[in-house]
Amino acid sequence: MEENNSIITLTDDSGRDADFDLVCTFDYENRKFAAMFPIEPVEGVADDEVVILEIVKDGENEILAPIENEILLDEVFNEFMEIFEDMADGDEEEE
């Protein structure tokens, strides 16, 4: 897992840009995923909702793609929650 805490801009199908705080990237079943929170309100995404996208190769570039399989999305979300809880526990130990 890599902690990033950087801002990325995503463009939806309608051409609207939205900024997200990239919390971390992580591997699950030999695939790579990115977890992020919206910085400003985004239609269809609650303020406290995490957005998880798959990082896939597109030629020589990497792109973020939605996870279409509901079962995989649930599994990846659960993996993220474990990672996120570990990150939060680590922050508490540093205080």
N, C-alpha and C. Protein backbone atom coordinates (compact mmCIF):
# COMPACT_ATOMS: atom_id res chain seq x y z
N MET A 1 0.84 -1.17 0.00
CA MET A 1 0.00 0.00 0.00
C MET A 1 0.88 1.24 0.00
N GLU A 2 0.47 2.21 -0.76
CA GLU A 2 1.18 3.48 -0.77
C GLU A 2 0.24 4.57 -0.31
N GLU A 3 0.68 5.37 0.67
CA GLU A 3 -0.08 6.54 1.07
C GLU A 3 0.32 7.68 0.16
N ASN A 4 -0.67 8.39 -0.38
CA ASN A 4 -0.37 9.44 -1.33
C ASN A 4 -0.73 10.83 -0.83
N ASN A 5 -1.97 10.99 -0.34
CA ASN A 5 -2.46 12.29 0.09
C ASN A 5 -2.11 13.38 -0.90
N SER A 6 -2.52 13.19 -2.13
CA SER A 6 -2.33 14.21 -3.14
C SER A 6 -3.65 14.46 -3.84
N ILE A 7 -3.75 15.57 -4.50
CA ILE A 7 -4.97 15.96 -5.19
C ILE A 7 -4.91 15.48 -6.64
N ILE A 8 -5.96 14.82 -7.07
CA ILE A 8 -6.06 14.45 -8.47
C ILE A 8 -7.39 14.96 -9.01
N THR A 9 -7.42 15.26 -10.28
CA THR A 9 -8.62 15.74 -10.93
C THR A 9 -9.13 14.66 -11.87
N LEU A 10 -10.39 14.30 -11.71
CA LEU A 10 -11.03 13.32 -12.57
C LEU A 10 -12.08 14.04 -13.41
N THR A 11 -12.25 13.58 -14.63
CA THR A 11 -13.25 14.14 -15.53
C THR A 11 -14.30 13.08 -15.80
N ASP A 12 -15.58 13.44 -15.58
CA ASP A 12 -16.65 12.47 -15.81
C ASP A 12 -17.03 12.43 -17.28
N ASP A 13 -17.99 11.59 -17.61
CA ASP A 13 -18.40 11.40 -19.00
C ASP A 13 -18.99 12.66 -19.62
N SER A 14 -19.47 13.58 -18.77
CA SER A 14 -20.04 14.84 -19.26
C SER A 14 -19.00 15.94 -19.41
N GLY A 15 -17.74 15.62 -19.10
CA GLY A 15 -16.67 16.60 -19.22
C GLY A 15 -16.48 17.48 -18.00
N ARG A 16 -17.18 17.18 -16.91
CA ARG A 16 -17.03 17.96 -15.67
C ARG A 16 -15.84 17.44 -14.87
N ASP A 17 -15.03 18.36 -14.38
CA ASP A 17 -13.87 18.01 -13.55
C ASP A 17 -14.27 18.02 -12.08
N ALA A 18 -13.66 17.12 -11.32
CA ALA A 18 -13.85 17.07 -9.87
C ALA A 18 -12.51 16.71 -9.24
N ASP A 19 -12.18 17.41 -8.14
CA ASP A 19 -10.93 17.15 -7.43
C ASP A 19 -11.17 16.16 -6.29
N PHE A 20 -10.22 15.25 -6.15
CA PHE A 20 -10.28 14.23 -5.11
C PHE A 20 -8.96 14.20 -4.37
N ASP A 21 -9.04 13.86 -3.07
CA ASP A 21 -7.86 13.63 -2.25
C ASP A 21 -7.53 12.15 -2.34
N LEU A 22 -6.42 11.82 -3.00
CA LEU A 22 -6.00 10.43 -3.15
C LEU A 22 -5.42 9.97 -1.81
N VAL A 23 -6.14 9.09 -1.14
CA VAL A 23 -5.75 8.62 0.18
C VAL A 23 -4.65 7.57 0.08
N CYS A 24 -4.84 6.58 -0.79
CA CYS A 24 -3.84 5.53 -0.93
C CYS A 24 -4.09 4.73 -2.19
N THR A 25 -3.06 4.02 -2.59
CA THR A 25 -3.20 2.99 -3.61
C THR A 25 -2.85 1.68 -2.93
N PHE A 26 -3.47 0.60 -3.38
CA PHE A 26 -3.23 -0.69 -2.75
C PHE A 26 -3.48 -1.81 -3.76
N ASP A 27 -2.91 -2.96 -3.47
CA ASP A 27 -3.08 -4.14 -4.31
C ASP A 27 -4.10 -5.07 -3.68
N TYR A 28 -4.89 -5.69 -4.54
CA TYR A 28 -5.83 -6.71 -4.11
C TYR A 28 -5.95 -7.73 -5.24
N GLU A 29 -5.64 -8.99 -4.94
CA GLU A 29 -5.70 -10.08 -5.90
C GLU A 29 -4.98 -9.73 -7.21
N ASN A 30 -3.74 -9.29 -7.07
CA ASN A 30 -2.87 -8.97 -8.20
C ASN A 30 -3.39 -7.84 -9.09
N ARG A 31 -4.23 -6.98 -8.53
CA ARG A 31 -4.72 -5.80 -9.24
C ARG A 31 -4.45 -4.59 -8.35
N LYS A 32 -4.36 -3.41 -8.95
CA LYS A 32 -4.04 -2.21 -8.20
C LYS A 32 -5.25 -1.27 -8.19
N PHE A 33 -5.49 -0.66 -7.02
CA PHE A 33 -6.65 0.20 -6.83
C PHE A 33 -6.23 1.51 -6.18
N ALA A 34 -7.04 2.54 -6.40
CA ALA A 34 -6.82 3.85 -5.79
C ALA A 34 -8.07 4.22 -5.01
N ALA A 35 -7.87 4.70 -3.79
CA ALA A 35 -8.98 5.14 -2.94
C ALA A 35 -8.87 6.64 -2.72
N MET A 36 -9.99 7.34 -2.87
CA MET A 36 -9.96 8.80 -2.76
C MET A 36 -11.28 9.33 -2.21
N PHE A 37 -11.20 10.52 -1.63
CA PHE A 37 -12.37 11.22 -1.13
C PHE A 37 -12.57 12.49 -1.94
N PRO A 38 -13.83 12.88 -2.22
CA PRO A 38 -14.07 14.13 -2.94
C PRO A 38 -13.68 15.32 -2.07
N ILE A 39 -13.07 16.33 -2.69
CA ILE A 39 -12.70 17.54 -1.97
C ILE A 39 -13.88 18.50 -1.91
N GLU A 40 -14.62 18.58 -3.00
CA GLU A 40 -15.80 19.42 -3.08
C GLU A 40 -16.98 18.49 -3.40
N PRO A 41 -18.20 18.97 -3.20
CA PRO A 41 -19.35 18.11 -3.53
C PRO A 41 -19.31 17.62 -4.98
N VAL A 42 -19.58 16.33 -5.14
CA VAL A 42 -19.62 15.69 -6.45
C VAL A 42 -20.97 15.00 -6.58
N GLU A 43 -21.65 15.23 -7.68
CA GLU A 43 -22.95 14.63 -7.90
C GLU A 43 -22.84 13.11 -7.82
N GLY A 44 -23.69 12.51 -6.99
CA GLY A 44 -23.71 11.06 -6.86
C GLY A 44 -22.73 10.50 -5.85
N VAL A 45 -21.95 11.38 -5.18
CA VAL A 45 -20.96 10.94 -4.20
C VAL A 45 -21.17 11.73 -2.91
N ALA A 46 -21.43 11.04 -1.81
CA ALA A 46 -21.60 11.70 -0.51
C ALA A 46 -20.26 12.25 -0.04
N ASP A 47 -20.31 13.30 0.79
CA ASP A 47 -19.09 13.95 1.28
C ASP A 47 -18.14 12.99 1.97
N ASP A 48 -18.70 12.01 2.71
CA ASP A 48 -17.85 11.09 3.46
C ASP A 48 -17.69 9.74 2.75
N GLU A 49 -18.07 9.69 1.48
CA GLU A 49 -18.00 8.45 0.71
C GLU A 49 -16.65 8.32 0.01
N VAL A 50 -16.08 7.15 0.09
CA VAL A 50 -14.81 6.88 -0.58
C VAL A 50 -15.11 6.42 -2.01
N VAL A 51 -14.29 6.87 -2.93
CA VAL A 51 -14.38 6.42 -4.32
C VAL A 51 -13.17 5.52 -4.56
N ILE A 52 -13.43 4.31 -5.04
CA ILE A 52 -12.35 3.37 -5.32
C ILE A 52 -12.39 3.03 -6.79
N LEU A 53 -11.28 3.24 -7.45
CA LEU A 53 -11.15 2.95 -8.88
C LEU A 53 -9.98 2.01 -9.10
N GLU A 54 -10.06 1.23 -10.15
CA GLU A 54 -8.97 0.33 -10.49
C GLU A 54 -7.95 1.07 -11.36
N ILE A 55 -6.68 0.82 -11.09
CA ILE A 55 -5.61 1.39 -11.89
C ILE A 55 -5.25 0.34 -12.94
N VAL A 56 -5.50 0.66 -14.20
CA VAL A 56 -5.26 -0.30 -15.28
C VAL A 56 -4.31 0.30 -16.31
N LYS A 57 -3.57 -0.57 -16.98
CA LYS A 57 -2.66 -0.15 -18.04
C LYS A 57 -3.45 0.11 -19.31
N ASP A 58 -3.14 1.23 -19.94
CA ASP A 58 -3.71 1.58 -21.23
C ASP A 58 -2.53 1.91 -22.13
N GLY A 59 -2.00 0.89 -22.76
CA GLY A 59 -0.76 1.08 -23.49
C GLY A 59 0.36 1.26 -22.49
N GLU A 60 1.06 2.38 -22.59
CA GLU A 60 2.14 2.67 -21.64
C GLU A 60 1.67 3.51 -20.47
N ASN A 61 0.43 3.96 -20.49
CA ASN A 61 -0.12 4.81 -19.43
C ASN A 61 -0.98 4.01 -18.48
N GLU A 62 -1.18 4.56 -17.28
CA GLU A 62 -2.11 3.99 -16.33
C GLU A 62 -3.32 4.91 -16.27
N ILE A 63 -4.51 4.30 -16.25
CA ILE A 63 -5.74 5.08 -16.13
C ILE A 63 -6.54 4.54 -14.96
N LEU A 64 -7.48 5.35 -14.48
CA LEU A 64 -8.38 4.94 -13.41
C LEU A 64 -9.70 4.52 -14.04
N ALA A 65 -10.15 3.31 -13.72
CA ALA A 65 -11.37 2.78 -14.30
C ALA A 65 -12.34 2.35 -13.20
N PRO A 66 -13.63 2.53 -13.44
CA PRO A 66 -14.61 2.07 -12.44
C PRO A 66 -14.59 0.55 -12.32
N ILE A 67 -14.99 0.09 -11.14
CA ILE A 67 -15.08 -1.34 -10.88
C ILE A 67 -16.53 -1.74 -11.18
N GLU A 68 -16.73 -2.47 -12.25
CA GLU A 68 -18.07 -2.82 -12.71
C GLU A 68 -18.67 -4.00 -11.94
N ASN A 69 -17.84 -4.93 -11.48
CA ASN A 69 -18.30 -6.13 -10.80
C ASN A 69 -18.63 -5.80 -9.34
N GLU A 70 -19.91 -5.95 -8.97
CA GLU A 70 -20.36 -5.59 -7.61
C GLU A 70 -19.66 -6.41 -6.53
N ILE A 71 -19.44 -7.70 -6.80
CA ILE A 71 -18.78 -8.56 -5.82
C ILE A 71 -17.34 -8.10 -5.61
N LEU A 72 -16.64 -7.84 -6.70
CA LEU A 72 -15.27 -7.35 -6.59
C LEU A 72 -15.25 -6.00 -5.87
N LEU A 73 -16.19 -5.12 -6.18
CA LEU A 73 -16.24 -3.82 -5.53
C LEU A 73 -16.40 -3.97 -4.02
N ASP A 74 -17.28 -4.87 -3.58
CA ASP A 74 -17.46 -5.12 -2.14
C ASP A 74 -16.18 -5.64 -1.51
N GLU A 75 -15.51 -6.57 -2.19
CA GLU A 75 -14.26 -7.14 -1.66
C GLU A 75 -13.17 -6.07 -1.56
N VAL A 76 -13.06 -5.25 -2.60
CA VAL A 76 -12.05 -4.19 -2.61
C VAL A 76 -12.36 -3.15 -1.54
N PHE A 77 -13.63 -2.81 -1.37
CA PHE A 77 -14.03 -1.87 -0.33
C PHE A 77 -13.64 -2.40 1.04
N ASN A 78 -13.92 -3.67 1.30
CA ASN A 78 -13.57 -4.28 2.59
C ASN A 78 -12.06 -4.25 2.81
N GLU A 79 -11.30 -4.51 1.77
CA GLU A 79 -9.83 -4.45 1.87
C GLU A 79 -9.39 -3.03 2.20
N PHE A 80 -9.99 -2.05 1.52
CA PHE A 80 -9.66 -0.65 1.81
C PHE A 80 -9.99 -0.30 3.26
N MET A 81 -11.14 -0.74 3.76
CA MET A 81 -11.53 -0.42 5.14
C MET A 81 -10.51 -0.97 6.14
N GLU A 82 -9.99 -2.16 5.89
CA GLU A 82 -8.95 -2.71 6.76
C GLU A 82 -7.70 -1.84 6.71
N ILE A 83 -7.31 -1.45 5.52
CA ILE A 83 -6.12 -0.60 5.34
C ILE A 83 -6.35 0.75 6.01
N PHE A 84 -7.52 1.33 5.79
CA PHE A 84 -7.84 2.65 6.34
C PHE A 84 -7.83 2.61 7.87
N GLU A 85 -8.37 1.56 8.45
CA GLU A 85 -8.36 1.41 9.91
C GLU A 85 -6.93 1.27 10.43
N ASP A 86 -6.09 0.52 9.72
CA ASP A 86 -4.69 0.40 10.10
C ASP A 86 -3.98 1.75 10.02
N MET A 87 -4.31 2.54 8.99
CA MET A 87 -3.71 3.87 8.85
C MET A 87 -4.13 4.75 10.02
N ALA A 88 -5.42 4.68 10.39
CA ALA A 88 -5.93 5.48 11.51
C ALA A 88 -5.29 5.04 12.82
N ASP A 89 -5.12 3.73 13.00
CA ASP A 89 -4.47 3.22 14.21
C ASP A 89 -3.03 3.70 14.29
N GLY A 90 -2.35 3.75 13.16
CA GLY A 90 -0.98 4.23 13.11
C GLY A 90 -0.87 5.70 13.49
N ASP A 91 -1.85 6.50 13.06
CA ASP A 91 -1.87 7.92 13.41
C ASP A 91 -2.05 8.11 14.91
N GLU A 92 -2.91 7.30 15.52
CA GLU A 92 -3.15 7.40 16.94
C GLU A 92 -1.90 7.03 17.74
N GLU A 93 -1.16 6.03 17.26
CA GLU A 93 0.04 5.60 17.97
C GLU A 93 1.13 6.66 17.93
N GLU A 94 1.14 7.49 16.86
CA GLU A 94 2.18 8.51 16.72
C GLU A 94 1.95 9.69 17.66
N GLU A 95 0.71 9.87 18.12
CA GLU A 95 0.39 11.03 18.98
C GLU A 95 0.93 10.88 20.37
